[in-house]
Structure formats: C-alpha cells, structure tokens
Amino acid sequence: MYAQLVETGTKAVKTLDQMEPQERAFQERLDAGIKVEPKDWMPMAYRKTLVRQISQHAHSEYVGMLPEGNWITRAPTLKRKAILMAKVQDEAGHALYLYSAVETLGVTRDQTYLDLLSGKAKYSSIFNYPTLTWADMGAIGWLVDGSAIVNQIPLCRCSYGPYARAMVRVCKEESFHQRQGFDIMVALCRGTPAQKAMAQDAMNRWWWPSIAMHGPADDASANSAQSMAWKIKTLSNDALRQKFIDQTVPQIEFLGLELPDPELKWNEATGHYDYGQIDWDEFYNVIKGNGPCNEERLAARNKAWDEGAWFREAMSVHAEKHQQKAA
C-alpha cells in the first residue's frame, strides 16, 4: 500500500463530467459535506494527499518540540519552566494523534517515521530556524503557533473524519500555546529596554518564516486547488496568510513593537494589510533540506530512534507474551 501511495501522482482537478462513476459519487459525497471514514472507498490520489499532509503535520509537531526543548533548562523562572515543559509535552501529544490518524490510511507509523529520519519526508519549514534567546519562546508561541492555528482551525472541517477529529483537540491546545507566547512578549515589552529590544529582535527573525509557513503563493502551489476540491483544505494559502497578518498586526501595535516589514500597511480599498515580498528562494531552499538547523533536527530525532530501540523491542516481546497468554 505505501509503495503505491508514493508512486501515484496527484492529477489535475477534474470536473464531475470527467470522473468515473465511483469517483463522481465520492466527490458528490464530499460536496454534500459527508465525512470520509477509513473503510470508505476513496481515490488513490486523495489517500496519497492525506498521507503526505498528515504525516508532514505529525513530523512537524514532533520536530517542533526541539527548538523549545532547547530552553527548558534555561527558562527564567520555575513557573515559565513548568509552562514550557507542558507545551513541549503537548506537541508530543499532537504528533501522536496525527501519526495515529495517518495509520488509518493504510500506512504504518514506523514507515512514515523512517521517511522523516531519512530526510525523504518533510516537516514544516519554520522548525529549521534556531532559538537564540528566551524571547524566541515568546515569538514561537505567539507567531508560529498563531500562524498554525489559522492553518489548522479550517482542518477541523476537513473531509477526512479521523484528521478532522484529531484537529479539534490540537487547536484547543494550540490556542493556549499562542496565549503563552503572547504573555512572554507582553512581559518583555513591559520590562527593561534591553528586554523589549530582545522581543523586537525575536519578532523580526520569526515574522517572515511565520508567514511563509502557510505555503507557496496560490499561483505556485501544485496541490492547493485539488486539496480544496476534495475539501481537505477550505481556504487557499494566500487567504490563510492574509488572515494571519490581519489579526497579528494590531497585536504588534499593542506590544509597542516596530513592524517587521516596511511595506506592511493598512489598505482601505481592500480592507486588509498589504505586505512585502516573501523570500521564496529561502523558503524553497529550506524545504529542500538546506535549512540552518535541518541536520541538527534530523540528527536529534535519529539519536532518539536509535536509543529507543531497546524499549521498542521490550514492548514487542511483552505484547507477544500477552497475546500468547490471552490465547
């Protein structure tokens, strides 16, 4: 099954008249708002798209523990340490929900995970960047998780049932993460000039990666149109990006920070904020595996996999003995 999923390409969006009867009936169910469940028939390309998206999402949650885990031992207070530990633990839980969801599509968790370890599978570009100061914990919670929430709330209405249901809890927890990050930024911006400068520096570094993580511009996105036709996505990449920018700029102004983009300004005609050009060359370079921390992230995850081999083996033996006893 997994080999088939990897080899099957996603075709261009078809009209109902161009579809075979079974595929047409499937699309009509989606259009009627009926969820797809694991045992339902689905086009191979729909299944492949979900495997790619959900596994990448799971990898992102799992790798995303590392930038913040870097600061657990250096948090400024015991309270901040406890909050950050809980947040990192939540990210592990999100990865678990999502790896479980992708298993319902007929691929094993080990196979999807090994694809991450080998570099074959990707994770979100945002987690390729280093966390240099404590203010980065605020910027990640506020900007990165805030951007993720904008992406993920529509996924609660995704056409694939297991994914949609997993996202309900993920989004509730991410909302706490966003508030935690903003609370750190508020504390820094109300602190000393040096603390506010640290907050400004962190925001400047995380702003562009946070708006790029919504994905390529609509006219350059190969999969967005088909994903929207299948109701895996309900909003385009550019629409999600604009929504994030519109809700975040007033928060920047509330904090008293300088806007990180000289072209960022309100447009009365459109009712939205205009913004500058994203460095797509950097984005695609990171996606290709050339991010500043990619080697470090994959090395950390490979180390954890190798060092956990004894535990996986012990659990397998325990499970076999339990099955034999039950039989």
Protein backbone atom coordinates (compact mmCIF):
# COMPACT_ATOMS: atom_id res chain seq x y z
CA MET A 1 0.00 0.00 0.00
CA TYR A 2 2.69 2.51 0.98
CA ALA A 3 4.67 2.00 -2.25
CA GLN A 4 1.51 2.60 -4.24
CA LEU A 5 0.86 5.83 -2.37
CA VAL A 6 4.35 7.10 -3.04
CA GLU A 7 4.24 6.26 -6.75
CA THR A 8 0.75 7.53 -7.50
CA GLY A 9 0.72 11.14 -8.63
CA THR A 10 -1.95 13.70 -7.86
CA LYS A 11 -3.77 14.58 -11.08
CA ALA A 12 -5.15 17.94 -12.11
CA VAL A 13 -8.59 18.88 -10.81
CA LYS A 14 -11.35 17.16 -12.78
CA THR A 15 -14.92 18.22 -13.37
CA LEU A 16 -17.72 15.83 -12.41
CA ASP A 17 -18.25 15.01 -16.09
CA GLN A 18 -14.63 13.90 -16.42
CA MET A 19 -14.82 11.48 -13.48
CA GLU A 20 -15.53 7.78 -13.47
CA PRO A 21 -18.84 6.86 -11.75
CA GLN A 22 -17.23 5.78 -8.46
CA GLU A 23 -15.06 8.87 -8.30
CA ARG A 24 -18.03 11.08 -9.17
CA ALA A 25 -20.09 9.54 -6.36
CA PHE A 26 -17.17 10.17 -3.98
CA GLN A 27 -16.93 13.83 -5.00
CA GLU A 28 -20.69 14.29 -4.63
CA ARG A 29 -20.46 12.95 -1.06
CA LEU A 30 -17.73 15.47 -0.31
CA ASP A 31 -19.77 18.28 -1.84
CA ALA A 32 -22.68 17.24 0.40
CA GLY A 33 -20.47 17.62 3.47
CA ILE A 34 -20.29 13.90 4.30
CA LYS A 35 -17.07 12.85 6.06
CA VAL A 36 -14.86 10.16 4.61
CA GLU A 37 -14.00 7.36 7.06
CA PRO A 38 -11.10 4.86 6.87
CA LYS A 39 -13.11 1.95 5.44
CA ASP A 40 -14.82 4.09 2.79
CA TRP A 41 -13.70 3.91 -0.82
CA MET A 42 -11.52 6.86 -1.81
CA PRO A 43 -9.42 7.72 -4.89
CA MET A 44 -5.78 6.72 -4.52
CA ALA A 45 -4.70 10.31 -5.14
CA TYR A 46 -6.95 11.52 -2.28
CA ARG A 47 -5.40 8.91 0.00
CA LYS A 48 -1.89 9.84 -1.10
CA THR A 49 -2.53 13.55 -0.49
CA LEU A 50 -3.77 12.83 3.03
CA VAL A 51 -0.80 10.57 3.81
CA ARG A 52 1.58 13.29 2.68
CA GLN A 53 -0.20 16.10 4.54
CA ILE A 54 -1.00 14.32 7.81
CA SER A 55 2.42 12.67 8.10
CA GLN A 56 4.14 16.00 7.39
CA HIS A 57 1.93 17.58 10.04
CA ALA A 58 2.85 14.83 12.53
CA HIS A 59 6.57 15.22 11.74
CA SER A 60 6.27 18.98 12.26
CA GLU A 61 4.77 18.54 15.71
CA TYR A 62 7.47 16.04 16.67
CA VAL A 63 10.41 18.02 15.30
CA GLY A 64 8.79 21.20 16.66
CA MET A 65 9.48 20.01 20.21
CA LEU A 66 13.22 20.59 19.68
CA PRO A 67 13.52 24.40 19.29
CA GLU A 68 11.60 24.97 22.52
CA GLY A 69 13.01 21.98 24.37
CA ASN A 70 16.32 23.80 23.93
CA TRP A 71 15.15 26.39 26.51
CA ILE A 72 13.51 24.22 29.21
CA THR A 73 16.63 24.17 31.38
CA ARG A 74 17.21 27.92 30.86
CA ALA A 75 13.72 29.30 31.49
CA PRO A 76 13.92 32.42 33.69
CA THR A 77 11.56 31.19 36.42
CA LEU A 78 10.16 27.90 37.72
CA LYS A 79 6.70 28.92 36.51
CA ARG A 80 7.98 29.60 33.00
CA LYS A 81 9.83 26.27 33.05
CA ALA A 82 6.67 24.34 34.03
CA ILE A 83 4.61 26.09 31.34
CA LEU A 84 7.21 25.40 28.66
CA MET A 85 7.52 21.75 29.67
CA ALA A 86 3.74 21.37 29.38
CA LYS A 87 3.79 23.00 25.97
CA VAL A 88 6.51 20.70 24.64
CA GLN A 89 4.61 17.73 26.05
CA ASP A 90 1.50 18.91 24.20
CA GLU A 91 3.45 18.90 20.93
CA ALA A 92 4.39 15.26 21.51
CA GLY A 93 0.71 14.50 22.04
CA HIS A 94 -0.22 16.26 18.80
CA ALA A 95 2.31 14.12 16.93
CA LEU A 96 0.78 11.01 18.50
CA TYR A 97 -2.76 11.96 17.41
CA LEU A 98 -1.59 12.65 13.88
CA TYR A 99 0.57 9.53 13.49
CA SER A 100 -2.48 7.58 14.64
CA ALA A 101 -4.64 9.36 12.06
CA VAL A 102 -2.25 8.59 9.20
CA GLU A 103 -2.23 4.90 10.17
CA THR A 104 -5.94 4.76 9.34
CA LEU A 105 -4.96 5.34 5.70
CA GLY A 106 -3.14 2.02 5.42
CA VAL A 107 0.46 3.03 6.11
CA THR A 108 2.44 2.13 9.20
CA ARG A 109 3.68 4.64 11.71
CA ASP A 110 7.18 3.20 11.51
CA GLN A 111 7.33 3.68 7.75
CA THR A 112 6.18 7.30 7.86
CA TYR A 113 8.57 7.97 10.74
CA LEU A 114 11.53 6.34 8.98
CA ASP A 115 10.86 8.58 6.00
CA LEU A 116 11.34 11.56 8.32
CA LEU A 117 14.58 10.15 9.72
CA SER A 118 15.99 9.54 6.25
CA GLY A 119 15.11 13.06 5.09
CA LYS A 120 12.67 11.75 2.49
CA ALA A 121 9.63 13.20 4.27
CA LYS A 122 9.46 16.88 5.15
CA TYR A 123 8.40 18.85 8.19
CA SER A 124 7.32 22.48 8.41
CA SER A 125 9.96 24.92 7.20
CA ILE A 126 9.54 27.00 10.37
CA PHE A 127 11.32 24.46 12.58
CA ASN A 128 14.57 24.82 10.64
CA TYR A 129 15.42 28.04 12.49
CA PRO A 130 17.41 28.34 15.74
CA THR A 131 16.11 29.65 19.07
CA LEU A 132 18.74 32.17 20.14
CA THR A 133 17.16 33.90 23.16
CA TRP A 134 14.35 33.44 25.66
CA ALA A 135 12.30 35.90 23.61
CA ASP A 136 12.18 33.25 20.87
CA MET A 137 9.91 31.24 23.17
CA GLY A 138 7.50 34.15 23.07
CA ALA A 139 7.81 34.67 19.32
CA ILE A 140 7.27 30.97 18.57
CA GLY A 141 4.20 30.71 20.78
CA TRP A 142 2.74 33.96 19.52
CA LEU A 143 3.70 33.95 15.83
CA VAL A 144 4.42 30.33 14.90
CA ASP A 145 1.57 28.78 16.88
CA GLY A 146 -0.65 31.70 15.95
CA SER A 147 0.07 31.01 12.29
CA ALA A 148 -0.51 27.30 12.85
CA ILE A 149 -3.92 27.97 14.43
CA VAL A 150 -5.00 29.93 11.35
CA ASN A 151 -4.00 26.94 9.22
CA GLN A 152 -5.46 24.31 11.49
CA ILE A 153 -8.88 25.60 12.52
CA PRO A 154 -10.23 25.00 8.97
CA LEU A 155 -8.83 21.45 9.18
CA CYS A 156 -11.42 20.71 11.89
CA ARG A 157 -13.84 20.72 8.93
CA CYS A 158 -11.56 18.56 6.75
CA SER A 159 -13.40 15.94 4.68
CA TYR A 160 -11.40 13.09 6.23
CA GLY A 161 -13.01 12.23 9.56
CA PRO A 162 -10.02 11.00 11.63
CA TYR A 163 -7.95 14.04 10.69
CA ALA A 164 -10.78 16.49 11.38
CA ARG A 165 -11.50 14.98 14.79
CA ALA A 166 -7.82 14.96 15.80
CA MET A 167 -7.57 18.64 14.90
CA VAL A 168 -10.30 19.69 17.33
CA ARG A 169 -8.15 18.89 20.36
CA VAL A 170 -4.96 20.09 18.68
CA CYS A 171 -6.49 23.51 18.00
CA LYS A 172 -7.75 23.87 21.57
CA GLU A 173 -4.27 23.21 22.92
CA GLU A 174 -2.58 25.41 20.33
CA SER A 175 -4.74 28.33 21.45
CA PHE A 176 -3.16 28.03 24.91
CA HIS A 177 0.28 27.91 23.31
CA GLN A 178 -0.41 31.12 21.41
CA ARG A 179 -1.54 32.89 24.59
CA GLN A 180 1.56 31.62 26.43
CA GLY A 181 3.80 33.09 23.75
CA PHE A 182 1.99 36.41 23.72
CA ASP A 183 2.22 36.58 27.52
CA ILE A 184 6.01 36.24 27.29
CA MET A 185 6.13 39.03 24.70
CA VAL A 186 3.96 41.30 26.88
CA ALA A 187 6.26 40.72 29.86
CA LEU A 188 9.35 41.51 27.80
CA CYS A 189 7.82 44.60 26.18
CA ARG A 190 6.83 45.95 29.60
CA GLY A 191 10.27 45.23 31.01
CA THR A 192 13.61 46.93 30.55
CA PRO A 193 14.72 48.49 27.24
CA ALA A 194 17.06 45.52 26.76
CA GLN A 195 14.17 43.08 27.21
CA LYS A 196 11.99 44.95 24.74
CA ALA A 197 14.87 45.02 22.25
CA MET A 198 15.18 41.26 22.67
CA ALA A 199 11.47 40.89 21.92
CA GLN A 200 11.83 43.08 18.83
CA ASP A 201 14.78 41.04 17.58
CA ALA A 202 12.90 37.76 18.05
CA MET A 203 9.83 39.05 16.23
CA ASN A 204 11.96 40.34 13.35
CA ARG A 205 13.57 36.92 12.92
CA TRP A 206 10.37 34.86 13.19
CA TRP A 207 7.97 37.09 11.25
CA TRP A 208 8.93 36.11 7.71
CA PRO A 209 9.25 32.36 8.38
CA SER A 210 5.84 32.50 10.13
CA ILE A 211 4.04 33.96 7.14
CA ALA A 212 5.94 31.70 4.70
CA MET A 213 4.81 28.60 6.61
CA HIS A 214 1.32 28.98 5.14
CA GLY A 215 2.86 27.55 1.99
CA PRO A 216 3.63 28.75 -1.52
CA ALA A 217 1.62 31.54 -3.13
CA ASP A 218 -1.59 30.25 -4.70
CA ASP A 219 -0.28 30.59 -8.26
CA ALA A 220 2.75 28.47 -7.35
CA SER A 221 1.05 25.78 -5.24
CA ALA A 222 0.80 22.47 -7.08
CA ASN A 223 -1.63 20.75 -4.71
CA SER A 224 -3.78 23.50 -3.23
CA ALA A 225 -6.57 23.53 -5.85
CA GLN A 226 -7.12 19.77 -5.71
CA SER A 227 -6.99 19.72 -1.90
CA MET A 228 -9.69 22.39 -1.84
CA ALA A 229 -11.83 20.45 -4.34
CA TRP A 230 -11.56 17.42 -2.06
CA LYS A 231 -12.34 19.66 0.95
CA ILE A 232 -9.12 18.65 2.67
CA LYS A 233 -8.46 22.39 2.70
CA THR A 234 -11.16 25.03 2.75
CA LEU A 235 -9.02 28.17 2.33
CA SER A 236 -6.11 28.87 -0.01
CA ASN A 237 -2.55 29.50 1.19
CA ASP A 238 -2.73 33.22 0.41
CA ALA A 239 -6.11 33.59 2.14
CA LEU A 240 -4.73 31.94 5.28
CA ARG A 241 -1.62 34.12 5.17
CA GLN A 242 -3.69 37.28 4.83
CA LYS A 243 -5.92 36.25 7.74
CA PHE A 244 -2.89 35.71 9.97
CA ILE A 245 -1.34 39.06 9.05
CA ASP A 246 -4.61 40.94 9.54
CA GLN A 247 -5.09 39.57 13.05
CA THR A 248 -1.44 39.88 14.11
CA VAL A 249 -0.55 43.45 13.10
CA PRO A 250 -2.84 45.01 15.78
CA GLN A 251 -1.13 42.77 18.34
CA ILE A 252 2.28 44.08 17.23
CA GLU A 253 0.99 47.63 17.69
CA PHE A 254 -0.41 46.77 21.14
CA LEU A 255 3.01 45.50 22.18
CA GLY A 256 4.57 48.75 21.01
CA LEU A 257 6.96 46.96 18.67
CA GLU A 258 8.07 48.20 15.27
CA LEU A 259 6.51 46.48 12.28
CA PRO A 260 8.96 43.90 10.89
CA ASP A 261 8.11 44.77 7.27
CA PRO A 262 8.50 48.35 5.91
CA GLU A 263 5.74 47.67 3.35
CA LEU A 264 3.24 46.48 5.96
CA LYS A 265 0.35 48.95 5.99
CA TRP A 266 -3.44 49.08 6.05
CA ASN A 267 -5.18 49.23 2.68
CA GLU A 268 -8.56 50.97 2.95
CA ALA A 269 -9.59 49.79 -0.51
CA THR A 270 -9.15 46.07 0.22
CA GLY A 271 -9.85 46.09 3.95
CA HIS A 272 -6.61 44.16 4.51
CA TYR A 273 -2.96 44.82 5.29
CA ASP A 274 -0.57 44.98 2.36
CA TYR A 275 2.78 43.33 2.98
CA GLY A 276 6.17 42.95 1.32
CA GLN A 277 7.56 40.22 -0.87
CA ILE A 278 8.36 36.92 0.85
CA ASP A 279 11.79 35.46 0.10
CA TRP A 280 10.56 32.36 -1.69
CA ASP A 281 14.09 31.35 -2.65
CA GLU A 282 14.89 30.94 1.04
CA PHE A 283 11.62 29.06 1.62
CA TYR A 284 12.27 26.53 -1.13
CA ASN A 285 15.90 26.16 -0.09
CA VAL A 286 14.75 25.24 3.42
CA ILE A 287 12.15 22.80 2.04
CA LYS A 288 14.91 21.09 0.05
CA GLY A 289 16.70 20.28 3.30
CA ASN A 290 19.11 23.20 3.41
CA GLY A 291 17.63 24.95 6.45
CA PRO A 292 20.07 26.23 9.07
CA CYS A 293 19.07 23.58 11.62
CA ASN A 294 17.87 20.71 9.43
CA GLU A 295 20.88 18.47 10.02
CA GLU A 296 20.72 19.14 13.75
CA ARG A 297 16.97 18.39 13.90
CA LEU A 298 17.26 15.11 11.99
CA ALA A 299 20.32 14.07 13.99
CA ALA A 300 18.39 14.59 17.24
CA ARG A 301 15.45 12.54 16.02
CA ASN A 302 17.68 9.75 14.67
CA LYS A 303 19.52 9.64 18.01
CA ALA A 304 16.22 9.28 19.87
CA TRP A 305 15.13 6.49 17.50
CA ASP A 306 18.39 4.57 17.91
CA GLU A 307 18.49 4.95 21.68
CA GLY A 308 14.87 3.84 21.97
CA ALA A 309 15.40 0.56 20.09
CA TRP A 310 15.71 -1.48 23.31
CA PHE A 311 12.39 -0.14 24.60
CA ARG A 312 10.53 -0.89 21.37
CA GLU A 313 11.94 -4.41 21.40
CA ALA A 314 10.96 -4.94 25.04
CA MET A 315 7.42 -3.73 24.39
CA SER A 316 7.11 -6.03 21.38
CA VAL A 317 8.17 -9.05 23.47
CA HIS A 318 5.73 -8.04 26.21
CA ALA A 319 2.89 -7.72 23.69
CA GLU A 320 3.65 -11.14 22.20
CA LYS A 321 3.65 -12.79 25.62
CA HIS A 322 0.36 -11.09 26.50
CA GLN A 323 -1.22 -12.34 23.28
CA GLN A 324 0.02 -15.87 23.89
CA LYS A 325 -1.39 -15.80 27.42
CA ALA A 326 -4.73 -14.49 26.17
CA ALA A 327 -4.90 -17.27 23.54
